[in-house]
Amino acid sequence: MKSGRIIILIAILGLSACTTTTKMNALAQGMSKSAVVNIMGQPDSTAAKGDIEVLTYKLCRNGCMSMYDYYVQFKNGRVDGYGKMGKKTQQLIATLTSRSR
């Protein structure tokens, strides 16, 4: 009986991992921030400066065995880009969160 519960738990975790791709695939250029939050949920962090804003999400893949950082970038309040976080996006976020000296 205990092994049956473990199998069910693994299956549930595996199915929840599928929502990562589904959620990201539901995004589109030009969407509003409220539409994105409706689909993706509340972000793990945000950064903004001027007309640029970036929301970041930690999402699981591979049956939740791995967590990856994803981003949604807005320009003038509309989606300008989104996807898996890379070095360029990390540098952009660092620029947005750095304080002017």
PDB file of N, CA and C in Angstrom:
ATOM      1  N   MET A   1       0.818  -1.194   0.000  1.00  0.00           N
ATOM      2  CA  MET A   1       0.000   0.000   0.000  1.00  0.00           C
ATOM      3  C   MET A   1       0.861   1.256   0.000  1.00  0.00           C
ATOM      4  N   LYS A   2       1.954   1.251   0.741  1.00  0.00           N
ATOM      5  CA  LYS A   2       2.830   2.425   0.806  1.00  0.00           C
ATOM      6  C   LYS A   2       3.470   2.706  -0.549  1.00  0.00           C
ATOM      7  N   SER A   3       3.868   1.660  -1.263  1.00  0.00           N
ATOM      8  CA  SER A   3       4.489   1.862  -2.572  1.00  0.00           C
ATOM      9  C   SER A   3       3.490   2.440  -3.570  1.00  0.00           C
ATOM     10  N   GLY A   4       2.209   2.103  -3.415  1.00  0.00           N
ATOM     11  CA  GLY A   4       1.167   2.664  -4.279  1.00  0.00           C
ATOM     12  C   GLY A   4       1.041   4.167  -4.095  1.00  0.00           C
ATOM     13  N   ARG A   5       1.152   4.622  -2.864  1.00  0.00           N
ATOM     14  CA  ARG A   5       1.078   6.058  -2.580  1.00  0.00           C
ATOM     15  C   ARG A   5       2.279   6.786  -3.181  1.00  0.00           C
ATOM     16  N   ILE A   6       3.429   6.161  -3.117  1.00  0.00           N
ATOM     17  CA  ILE A   6       4.648   6.763  -3.689  1.00  0.00           C
ATOM     18  C   ILE A   6       4.499   6.903  -5.196  1.00  0.00           C
ATOM     19  N   ILE A   7       3.966   5.886  -5.830  1.00  0.00           N
ATOM     20  CA  ILE A   7       3.768   5.931  -7.286  1.00  0.00           C
ATOM     21  C   ILE A   7       2.787   7.047  -7.650  1.00  0.00           C
ATOM     22  N   ILE A   8       1.706   7.181  -6.879  1.00  0.00           N
ATOM     23  CA  ILE A   8       0.734   8.243  -7.138  1.00  0.00           C
ATOM     24  C   ILE A   8       1.385   9.613  -6.961  1.00  0.00           C
ATOM     25  N   LEU A   9       2.185   9.784  -5.916  1.00  0.00           N
ATOM     26  CA  LEU A   9       2.876  11.052  -5.679  1.00  0.00           C
ATOM     27  C   LEU A   9       3.815  11.385  -6.831  1.00  0.00           C
ATOM     28  N   ILE A  10       4.562  10.403  -7.297  1.00  0.00           N
ATOM     29  CA  ILE A  10       5.482  10.622  -8.426  1.00  0.00           C
ATOM     30  C   ILE A  10       4.690  11.008  -9.682  1.00  0.00           C
ATOM     31  N   ALA A  11       3.566  10.357  -9.908  1.00  0.00           N
ATOM     32  CA  ALA A  11       2.739  10.674 -11.075  1.00  0.00           C
ATOM     33  C   ALA A  11       2.208  12.106 -10.996  1.00  0.00           C
ATOM     34  N   ILE A  12       1.756  12.519  -9.814  1.00  0.00           N
ATOM     35  CA  ILE A  12       1.249  13.885  -9.642  1.00  0.00           C
ATOM     36  C   ILE A  12       2.351  14.896  -9.895  1.00  0.00           C
ATOM     37  N   LEU A  13       3.535  14.639  -9.340  1.00  0.00           N
ATOM     38  CA  LEU A  13       4.661  15.551  -9.571  1.00  0.00           C
ATOM     39  C   LEU A  13       5.022  15.612 -11.042  1.00  0.00           C
ATOM     40  N   GLY A  14       4.995  14.492 -11.713  1.00  0.00           N
ATOM     41  CA  GLY A  14       5.298  14.454 -13.138  1.00  0.00           C
ATOM     42  C   GLY A  14       4.298  15.245 -13.956  1.00  0.00           C
ATOM     43  N   LEU A  15       3.021  15.135 -13.617  1.00  0.00           N
ATOM     44  CA  LEU A  15       1.998  15.884 -14.337  1.00  0.00           C
ATOM     45  C   LEU A  15       2.108  17.376 -14.075  1.00  0.00           C
ATOM     46  N   SER A  16       2.472  17.747 -12.862  1.00  0.00           N
ATOM     47  CA  SER A  16       2.596  19.177 -12.570  1.00  0.00           C
ATOM     48  C   SER A  16       3.768  19.789 -13.325  1.00  0.00           C
ATOM     49  N   ALA A  17       4.784  18.998 -13.631  1.00  0.00           N
ATOM     50  CA  ALA A  17       5.930  19.500 -14.393  1.00  0.00           C
ATOM     51  C   ALA A  17       5.517  19.874 -15.810  1.00  0.00           C
ATOM     52  N   CYS A  18       4.508  19.211 -16.334  1.00  0.00           N
ATOM     53  CA  CYS A  18       4.039  19.503 -17.691  1.00  0.00           C
ATOM     54  C   CYS A  18       3.473  20.916 -17.796  1.00  0.00           C
ATOM     55  N   THR A  19       3.008  21.475 -16.710  1.00  0.00           N
ATOM     56  CA  THR A  19       2.408  22.800 -16.768  1.00  0.00           C
ATOM     57  C   THR A  19       3.440  23.877 -17.071  1.00  0.00           C
ATOM     58  N   THR A  20       4.699  23.620 -16.794  1.00  0.00           N
ATOM     59  CA  THR A  20       5.741  24.597 -17.094  1.00  0.00           C
ATOM     60  C   THR A  20       5.729  24.946 -18.573  1.00  0.00           C
ATOM     61  N   THR A  21       5.838  23.956 -19.398  1.00  0.00           N
ATOM     62  CA  THR A  21       5.853  24.177 -20.839  1.00  0.00           C
ATOM     63  C   THR A  21       4.523  24.752 -21.303  1.00  0.00           C
ATOM     64  N   THR A  22       3.443  24.240 -20.781  1.00  0.00           N
ATOM     65  CA  THR A  22       2.127  24.722 -21.169  1.00  0.00           C
ATOM     66  C   THR A  22       1.971  26.197 -20.830  1.00  0.00           C
ATOM     67  N   LYS A  23       2.381  26.572 -19.630  1.00  0.00           N
ATOM     68  CA  LYS A  23       2.263  27.976 -19.232  1.00  0.00           C
ATOM     69  C   LYS A  23       3.119  28.874 -20.120  1.00  0.00           C
ATOM     70  N   MET A  24       4.359  28.518 -20.325  1.00  0.00           N
ATOM     71  CA  MET A  24       5.250  29.345 -21.141  1.00  0.00           C
ATOM     72  C   MET A  24       4.750  29.422 -22.583  1.00  0.00           C
ATOM     73  N   ASN A  25       4.205  28.328 -23.090  1.00  0.00           N
ATOM     74  CA  ASN A  25       3.695  28.326 -24.465  1.00  0.00           C
ATOM     75  C   ASN A  25       2.430  29.160 -24.624  1.00  0.00           C
ATOM     76  N   ALA A  26       1.764  29.464 -23.519  1.00  0.00           N
ATOM     77  CA  ALA A  26       0.546  30.282 -23.576  1.00  0.00           C
ATOM     78  C   ALA A  26       0.870  31.775 -23.658  1.00  0.00           C
ATOM     79  N   LEU A  27       2.131  32.152 -23.442  1.00  0.00           N
ATOM     80  CA  LEU A  27       2.513  33.565 -23.505  1.00  0.00           C
ATOM     81  C   LEU A  27       2.681  34.010 -24.954  1.00  0.00           C
ATOM     82  N   ALA A  28       2.515  35.307 -25.174  1.00  0.00           N
ATOM     83  CA  ALA A  28       2.684  35.854 -26.522  1.00  0.00           C
ATOM     84  C   ALA A  28       3.175  37.291 -26.435  1.00  0.00           C
ATOM     85  N   GLN A  29       3.889  37.709 -27.460  1.00  0.00           N
ATOM     86  CA  GLN A  29       4.340  39.093 -27.561  1.00  0.00           C
ATOM     87  C   GLN A  29       3.135  40.019 -27.443  1.00  0.00           C
ATOM     88  N   GLY A  30       3.321  41.130 -26.728  1.00  0.00           N
ATOM     89  CA  GLY A  30       2.281  42.136 -26.639  1.00  0.00           C
ATOM     90  C   GLY A  30       1.273  41.940 -25.517  1.00  0.00           C
ATOM     91  N   MET A  31       1.350  40.819 -24.792  1.00  0.00           N
ATOM     92  CA  MET A  31       0.410  40.590 -23.684  1.00  0.00           C
ATOM     93  C   MET A  31       0.658  41.594 -22.567  1.00  0.00           C
ATOM     94  N   SER A  32      -0.376  41.882 -21.802  1.00  0.00           N
ATOM     95  CA  SER A  32      -0.245  42.766 -20.642  1.00  0.00           C
ATOM     96  C   SER A  32       0.324  41.991 -19.455  1.00  0.00           C
ATOM     97  N   LYS A  33       0.803  42.732 -18.472  1.00  0.00           N
ATOM     98  CA  LYS A  33       1.345  42.103 -17.265  1.00  0.00           C
ATOM     99  C   LYS A  33       0.259  41.309 -16.545  1.00  0.00           C
ATOM    100  N   SER A  34      -0.940  41.850 -16.453  1.00  0.00           N
ATOM    101  CA  SER A  34      -2.015  41.137 -15.751  1.00  0.00           C
ATOM    102  C   SER A  34      -2.366  39.821 -16.452  1.00  0.00           C
ATOM    103  N   ALA A  35      -2.315  39.799 -17.776  1.00  0.00           N
ATOM    104  CA  ALA A  35      -2.578  38.559 -18.517  1.00  0.00           C
ATOM    105  C   ALA A  35      -1.496  37.526 -18.230  1.00  0.00           C
ATOM    106  N   VAL A  36      -0.239  37.978 -18.151  1.00  0.00           N
ATOM    107  CA  VAL A  36       0.874  37.070 -17.858  1.00  0.00           C
ATOM    108  C   VAL A  36       0.732  36.496 -16.454  1.00  0.00           C
ATOM    109  N   VAL A  37       0.449  37.340 -15.479  1.00  0.00           N
ATOM    110  CA  VAL A  37       0.301  36.873 -14.095  1.00  0.00           C
ATOM    111  C   VAL A  37      -0.898  35.934 -13.986  1.00  0.00           C
ATOM    112  N   ASN A  38      -1.930  36.166 -14.765  1.00  0.00           N
ATOM    113  CA  ASN A  38      -3.081  35.258 -14.810  1.00  0.00           C
ATOM    114  C   ASN A  38      -2.654  33.857 -15.226  1.00  0.00           C
ATOM    115  N   ILE A  39      -1.763  33.766 -16.199  1.00  0.00           N
ATOM    116  CA  ILE A  39      -1.298  32.488 -16.725  1.00  0.00           C
ATOM    117  C   ILE A  39      -0.218  31.883 -15.834  1.00  0.00           C
ATOM    118  N   MET A  40       0.782  32.680 -15.502  1.00  0.00           N
ATOM    119  CA  MET A  40       1.974  32.173 -14.826  1.00  0.00           C
ATOM    120  C   MET A  40       1.876  32.174 -13.296  1.00  0.00           C
ATOM    121  N   GLY A  41       1.002  32.999 -12.739  1.00  0.00           N
ATOM    122  CA  GLY A  41       0.958  33.173 -11.298  1.00  0.00           C
ATOM    123  C   GLY A  41       1.901  34.292 -10.887  1.00  0.00           C
ATOM    124  N   GLN A  42       1.995  34.525  -9.583  1.00  0.00           N
ATOM    125  CA  GLN A  42       2.864  35.587  -9.081  1.00  0.00           C
ATOM    126  C   GLN A  42       4.331  35.233  -9.335  1.00  0.00           C
ATOM    127  N   PRO A  43       5.140  36.187  -9.760  1.00  0.00           N
ATOM    128  CA  PRO A  43       6.550  35.912 -10.040  1.00  0.00           C
ATOM    129  C   PRO A  43       7.345  35.692  -8.747  1.00  0.00           C
ATOM    130  N   ASP A  44       8.479  35.019  -8.883  1.00  0.00           N
ATOM    131  CA  ASP A  44       9.387  34.836  -7.752  1.00  0.00           C
ATOM    132  C   ASP A  44      10.149  36.116  -7.462  1.00  0.00           C
ATOM    133  N   SER A  45      10.404  36.908  -8.508  1.00  0.00           N
ATOM    134  CA  SER A  45      11.049  38.207  -8.308  1.00  0.00           C
ATOM    135  C   SER A  45      10.734  39.109  -9.488  1.00  0.00           C
ATOM    136  N   THR A  46      10.964  40.405  -9.278  1.00  0.00           N
ATOM    137  CA  THR A  46      10.754  41.391 -10.335  1.00  0.00           C
ATOM    138  C   THR A  46      11.906  42.386 -10.324  1.00  0.00           C
ATOM    139  N   ALA A  47      12.139  42.993 -11.460  1.00  0.00           N
ATOM    140  CA  ALA A  47      13.127  44.065 -11.587  1.00  0.00           C
ATOM    141  C   ALA A  47      12.593  45.034 -12.627  1.00  0.00           C
ATOM    142  N   ALA A  48      12.835  46.322 -12.399  1.00  0.00           N
ATOM    143  CA  ALA A  48      12.317  47.319 -13.337  1.00  0.00           C
ATOM    144  C   ALA A  48      13.175  48.568 -13.315  1.00  0.00           C
ATOM    145  N   LYS A  49      13.211  49.235 -14.449  1.00  0.00           N
ATOM    146  CA  LYS A  49      13.878  50.533 -14.578  1.00  0.00           C
ATOM    147  C   LYS A  49      13.324  51.182 -15.833  1.00  0.00           C
ATOM    148  N   GLY A  50      12.801  52.375 -15.686  1.00  0.00           N
ATOM    149  CA  GLY A  50      12.236  53.060 -16.843  1.00  0.00           C
ATOM    150  C   GLY A  50      11.068  52.289 -17.418  1.00  0.00           C
ATOM    151  N   ASP A  51      11.090  52.051 -18.719  1.00  0.00           N
ATOM    152  CA  ASP A  51       9.982  51.350 -19.364  1.00  0.00           C
ATOM    153  C   ASP A  51      10.208  49.839 -19.488  1.00  0.00           C
ATOM    154  N   ILE A  52      11.268  49.329 -18.845  1.00  0.00           N
ATOM    155  CA  ILE A  52      11.587  47.898 -18.891  1.00  0.00           C
ATOM    156  C   ILE A  52      11.279  47.262 -17.539  1.00  0.00           C
ATOM    157  N   GLU A  53      10.590  46.126 -17.555  1.00  0.00           N
ATOM    158  CA  GLU A  53      10.322  45.354 -16.346  1.00  0.00           C
ATOM    159  C   GLU A  53      10.519  43.882 -16.670  1.00  0.00           C
ATOM    160  N   VAL A  54      11.090  43.129 -15.720  1.00  0.00           N
ATOM    161  CA  VAL A  54      11.316  41.701 -15.908  1.00  0.00           C
ATOM    162  C   VAL A  54      10.740  40.953 -14.709  1.00  0.00           C
ATOM    163  N   LEU A  55       9.907  39.960 -14.984  1.00  0.00           N
ATOM    164  CA  LEU A  55       9.394  39.051 -13.964  1.00  0.00           C
ATOM    165  C   LEU A  55      10.166  37.750 -14.102  1.00  0.00           C
ATOM    166  N   THR A  56      10.567  37.144 -12.986  1.00  0.00           N
ATOM    167  CA  THR A  56      11.266  35.859 -13.052  1.00  0.00           C
ATOM    168  C   THR A  56      10.473  34.797 -12.307  1.00  0.00           C
ATOM    169  N   TYR A  57      10.574  33.577 -12.819  1.00  0.00           N
ATOM    170  CA  TYR A  57       9.870  32.420 -12.275  1.00  0.00           C
ATOM    171  C   TYR A  57      10.837  31.250 -12.175  1.00  0.00           C
ATOM    172  N   LYS A  58      10.737  30.494 -11.093  1.00  0.00           N
ATOM    173  CA  LYS A  58      11.457  29.231 -10.965  1.00  0.00           C
ATOM    174  C   LYS A  58      10.437  28.142 -11.286  1.00  0.00           C
ATOM    175  N   LEU A  59      10.698  27.402 -12.357  1.00  0.00           N
ATOM    176  CA  LEU A  59       9.762  26.376 -12.806  1.00  0.00           C
ATOM    177  C   LEU A  59      10.477  25.034 -12.899  1.00  0.00           C
ATOM    178  N   CYS A  60       9.724  23.982 -12.655  1.00  0.00           N
ATOM    179  CA  CYS A  60      10.357  22.655 -12.687  1.00  0.00           C
ATOM    180  C   CYS A  60      10.185  22.009 -14.057  1.00  0.00           C
ATOM    181  N   ARG A  61      11.167  21.178 -14.361  1.00  0.00           N
ATOM    182  CA  ARG A  61      11.168  20.382 -15.592  1.00  0.00           C
ATOM    183  C   ARG A  61      11.628  18.986 -15.239  1.00  0.00           C
ATOM    184  N   ASN A  62      11.531  18.095 -16.167  1.00  0.00           N
ATOM    185  CA  ASN A  62      12.007  16.725 -15.996  1.00  0.00           C
ATOM    186  C   ASN A  62      11.403  16.080 -14.756  1.00  0.00           C
ATOM    187  N   GLY A  63      10.079  16.158 -14.627  1.00  0.00           N
ATOM    188  CA  GLY A  63       9.414  15.569 -13.483  1.00  0.00           C
ATOM    189  C   GLY A  63       9.780  16.250 -12.180  1.00  0.00           C
ATOM    190  N   CYS A  64      10.073  17.523 -12.257  1.00  0.00           N
ATOM    191  CA  CYS A  64      10.458  18.343 -11.097  1.00  0.00           C
ATOM    192  C   CYS A  64      11.783  17.908 -10.486  1.00  0.00           C
ATOM    193  N   MET A  65      12.579  17.225 -11.265  1.00  0.00           N
ATOM    194  CA  MET A  65      13.912  16.854 -10.786  1.00  0.00           C
ATOM    195  C   MET A  65      14.867  18.040 -10.906  1.00  0.00           C
ATOM    196  N   SER A  66      14.530  18.982 -11.775  1.00  0.00           N
ATOM    197  CA  SER A  66      15.382  20.150 -11.995  1.00  0.00           C
ATOM    198  C   SER A  66      14.531  21.414 -11.997  1.00  0.00           C
ATOM    199  N   MET A  67      15.062  22.450 -11.382  1.00  0.00           N
ATOM    200  CA  MET A  67      14.396  23.761 -11.389  1.00  0.00           C
ATOM    201  C   MET A  67      15.188  24.680 -12.322  1.00  0.00           C
ATOM    202  N   TYR A  68      14.479  25.445 -13.117  1.00  0.00           N
ATOM    203  CA  TYR A  68      15.108  26.380 -14.041  1.00  0.00           C
ATOM    204  C   TYR A  68      14.489  27.761 -13.865  1.00  0.00           C
ATOM    205  N   ASP A  69      15.272  28.772 -14.173  1.00  0.00           N
ATOM    206  CA  ASP A  69      14.794  30.151 -14.109  1.00  0.00           C
ATOM    207  C   ASP A  69      14.258  30.555 -15.479  1.00  0.00           C
ATOM    208  N   TYR A  70      13.060  31.128 -15.468  1.00  0.00           N
ATOM    209  CA  TYR A  70      12.426  31.650 -16.666  1.00  0.00           C
ATOM    210  C   TYR A  70      12.123  33.117 -16.447  1.00  0.00           C
ATOM    211  N   TYR A  71      11.991  33.868 -17.517  1.00  0.00           N
ATOM    212  CA  TYR A  71      11.726  35.302 -17.400  1.00  0.00           C
ATOM    213  C   TYR A  71      10.639  35.720 -18.379  1.00  0.00           C
ATOM    214  N   VAL A  72       9.999  36.834 -18.036  1.00  0.00           N
ATOM    215  CA  VAL A  72       9.085  37.516 -18.953  1.00  0.00           C
ATOM    216  C   VAL A  72       9.492  38.980 -18.906  1.00  0.00           C
ATOM    217  N   GLN A  73       9.867  39.523 -20.044  1.00  0.00           N
ATOM    218  CA  GLN A  73      10.316  40.920 -20.135  1.00  0.00           C
ATOM    219  C   GLN A  73       9.220  41.774 -20.750  1.00  0.00           C
ATOM    220  N   PHE A  74       8.989  42.923 -20.113  1.00  0.00           N
ATOM    221  CA  PHE A  74       7.995  43.879 -20.601  1.00  0.00           C
ATOM    222  C   PHE A  74       8.689  45.164 -21.025  1.00  0.00           C
ATOM    223  N   LYS A  75       8.173  45.763 -22.073  1.00  0.00           N
ATOM    224  CA  LYS A  75       8.605  47.097 -22.482  1.00  0.00           C
ATOM    225  C   LYS A  75       7.326  47.899 -22.678  1.00  0.00           C
ATOM    226  N   ASN A  76       7.246  49.043 -21.992  1.00  0.00           N
ATOM    227  CA  ASN A  76       6.039  49.873 -22.027  1.00  0.00           C
ATOM    228  C   ASN A  76       4.793  49.075 -21.635  1.00  0.00           C
ATOM    229  N   GLY A  77       4.943  48.170 -20.659  1.00  0.00           N
ATOM    230  CA  GLY A  77       3.803  47.433 -20.119  1.00  0.00           C
ATOM    231  C   GLY A  77       3.335  46.244 -20.922  1.00  0.00           C
ATOM    232  N   ARG A  78       4.049  45.892 -21.999  1.00  0.00           N
ATOM    233  CA  ARG A  78       3.655  44.762 -22.852  1.00  0.00           C
ATOM    234  C   ARG A  78       4.813  43.770 -22.983  1.00  0.00           C
ATOM    235  N   VAL A  79       4.490  42.474 -23.120  1.00  0.00           N
ATOM    236  CA  VAL A  79       5.519  41.447 -23.255  1.00  0.00           C
ATOM    237  C   VAL A  79       6.381  41.751 -24.474  1.00  0.00           C
ATOM    238  N   ASP A  80       7.686  41.811 -24.222  1.00  0.00           N
ATOM    239  CA  ASP A  80       8.668  42.088 -25.267  1.00  0.00           C
ATOM    240  C   ASP A  80       9.537  40.857 -25.519  1.00  0.00           C
ATOM    241  N   GLY A  81       9.582  39.934 -24.552  1.00  0.00           N
ATOM    242  CA  GLY A  81      10.358  38.715 -24.686  1.00  0.00           C
ATOM    243  C   GLY A  81      10.118  37.813 -23.488  1.00  0.00           C
ATOM    244  N   TYR A  82      10.376  36.506 -23.654  1.00  0.00           N
ATOM    245  CA  TYR A  82      10.199  35.547 -22.565  1.00  0.00           C
ATOM    246  C   TYR A  82      10.919  34.257 -22.916  1.00  0.00           C
ATOM    247  N   GLY A  83      11.228  33.460 -21.895  1.00  0.00           N
ATOM    248  CA  GLY A  83      11.862  32.177 -22.118  1.00  0.00           C
ATOM    249  C   GLY A  83      12.728  31.765 -20.944  1.00  0.00           C
ATOM    250  N   LYS A  84      13.605  30.796 -21.216  1.00  0.00           N
ATOM    251  CA  LYS A  84      14.519  30.306 -20.193  1.00  0.00           C
ATOM    252  C   LYS A  84      15.608  31.349 -19.980  1.00  0.00           C
ATOM    253  N   MET A  85      15.929  31.596 -18.732  1.00  0.00           N
ATOM    254  CA  MET A  85      16.919  32.612 -18.375  1.00  0.00           C
ATOM    255  C   MET A  85      18.299  32.227 -18.921  1.00  0.00           C
ATOM    256  N   GLY A  86      18.955  33.217 -19.510  1.00  0.00           N
ATOM    257  CA  GLY A  86      20.310  33.050 -19.999  1.00  0.00           C
ATOM    258  C   GLY A  86      21.191  34.171 -19.460  1.00  0.00           C
ATOM    259  N   LYS A  87      22.431  34.189 -19.869  1.00  0.00           N
ATOM    260  CA  LYS A  87      23.371  35.201 -19.369  1.00  0.00           C
ATOM    261  C   LYS A  87      22.932  36.625 -19.711  1.00  0.00           C
ATOM    262  N   LYS A  88      22.416  36.830 -20.931  1.00  0.00           N
ATOM    263  CA  LYS A  88      21.997  38.183 -21.326  1.00  0.00           C
ATOM    264  C   LYS A  88      20.869  38.689 -20.440  1.00  0.00           C
ATOM    265  N   THR A  89      19.920  37.821 -20.133  1.00  0.00           N
ATOM    266  CA  THR A  89      18.807  38.228 -19.287  1.00  0.00           C
ATOM    267  C   THR A  89      19.279  38.475 -17.861  1.00  0.00           C
ATOM    268  N   GLN A  90      20.187  37.652 -17.367  1.00  0.00           N
ATOM    269  CA  GLN A  90      20.737  37.857 -16.024  1.00  0.00           C
ATOM    270  C   GLN A  90      21.458  39.196 -15.945  1.00  0.00           C
ATOM    271  N   GLN A  91      22.188  39.559 -16.999  1.00  0.00           N
ATOM    272  CA  GLN A  91      22.884  40.847 -17.034  1.00  0.00           C
ATOM    273  C   GLN A  91      21.879  42.003 -17.072  1.00  0.00           C
ATOM    274  N   LEU A  92      20.804  41.835 -17.824  1.00  0.00           N
ATOM    275  CA  LEU A  92      19.768  42.865 -17.882  1.00  0.00           C
ATOM    276  C   LEU A  92      19.153  43.072 -16.495  1.00  0.00           C
ATOM    277  N   ILE A  93      18.829  41.993 -15.817  1.00  0.00           N
ATOM    278  CA  ILE A  93      18.236  42.094 -14.481  1.00  0.00           C
ATOM    279  C   ILE A  93      19.206  42.753 -13.517  1.00  0.00           C
ATOM    280  N   ALA A  94      20.483  42.409 -13.616  1.00  0.00           N
ATOM    281  CA  ALA A  94      21.494  43.039 -12.757  1.00  0.00           C
ATOM    282  C   ALA A  94      21.537  44.547 -13.016  1.00  0.00           C
ATOM    283  N   THR A  95      21.428  44.948 -14.267  1.00  0.00           N
ATOM    284  CA  THR A  95      21.412  46.372 -14.621  1.00  0.00           C
ATOM    285  C   THR A  95      20.174  47.051 -14.063  1.00  0.00           C
ATOM    286  N   LEU A  96      19.031  46.383 -14.157  1.00  0.00           N
ATOM    287  CA  LEU A  96      17.779  46.982 -13.673  1.00  0.00           C
ATOM    288  C   LEU A  96      17.760  47.117 -12.161  1.00  0.00           C
ATOM    289  N   THR A  97      18.415  46.201 -11.466  1.00  0.00           N
ATOM    290  CA  THR A  97      18.379  46.243  -9.995  1.00  0.00           C
ATOM    291  C   THR A  97      19.537  46.991  -9.381  1.00  0.00           C
ATOM    292  N   SER A  98      20.549  47.349 -10.195  1.00  0.00           N
ATOM    293  CA  SER A  98      21.680  48.091  -9.624  1.00  0.00           C
ATOM    294  C   SER A  98      21.243  49.525  -9.342  1.00  0.00           C
ATOM    295  N   ARG A  99      21.800  50.078  -8.311  1.00  0.00           N
ATOM    296  CA  ARG A  99      21.460  51.457  -7.926  1.00  0.00           C
ATOM    297  C   ARG A  99      22.370  52.440  -8.651  1.00  0.00           C
ATOM    298  N   SER A 100      21.811  53.542  -9.018  1.00  0.00           N
ATOM    299  CA  SER A 100      22.621  54.593  -9.652  1.00  0.00           C
ATOM    300  C   SER A 100      23.604  55.148  -8.654  1.00  0.00           C
ATOM    301  N   ARG A 101      24.822  55.404  -9.121  1.00  0.00           N
ATOM    302  CA  ARG A 101      25.862  55.952  -8.232  1.00  0.00           C
ATOM    303  C   ARG A 101      26.214  57.329  -8.599  1.00  0.00           C
TER     304      ARG A 101
END
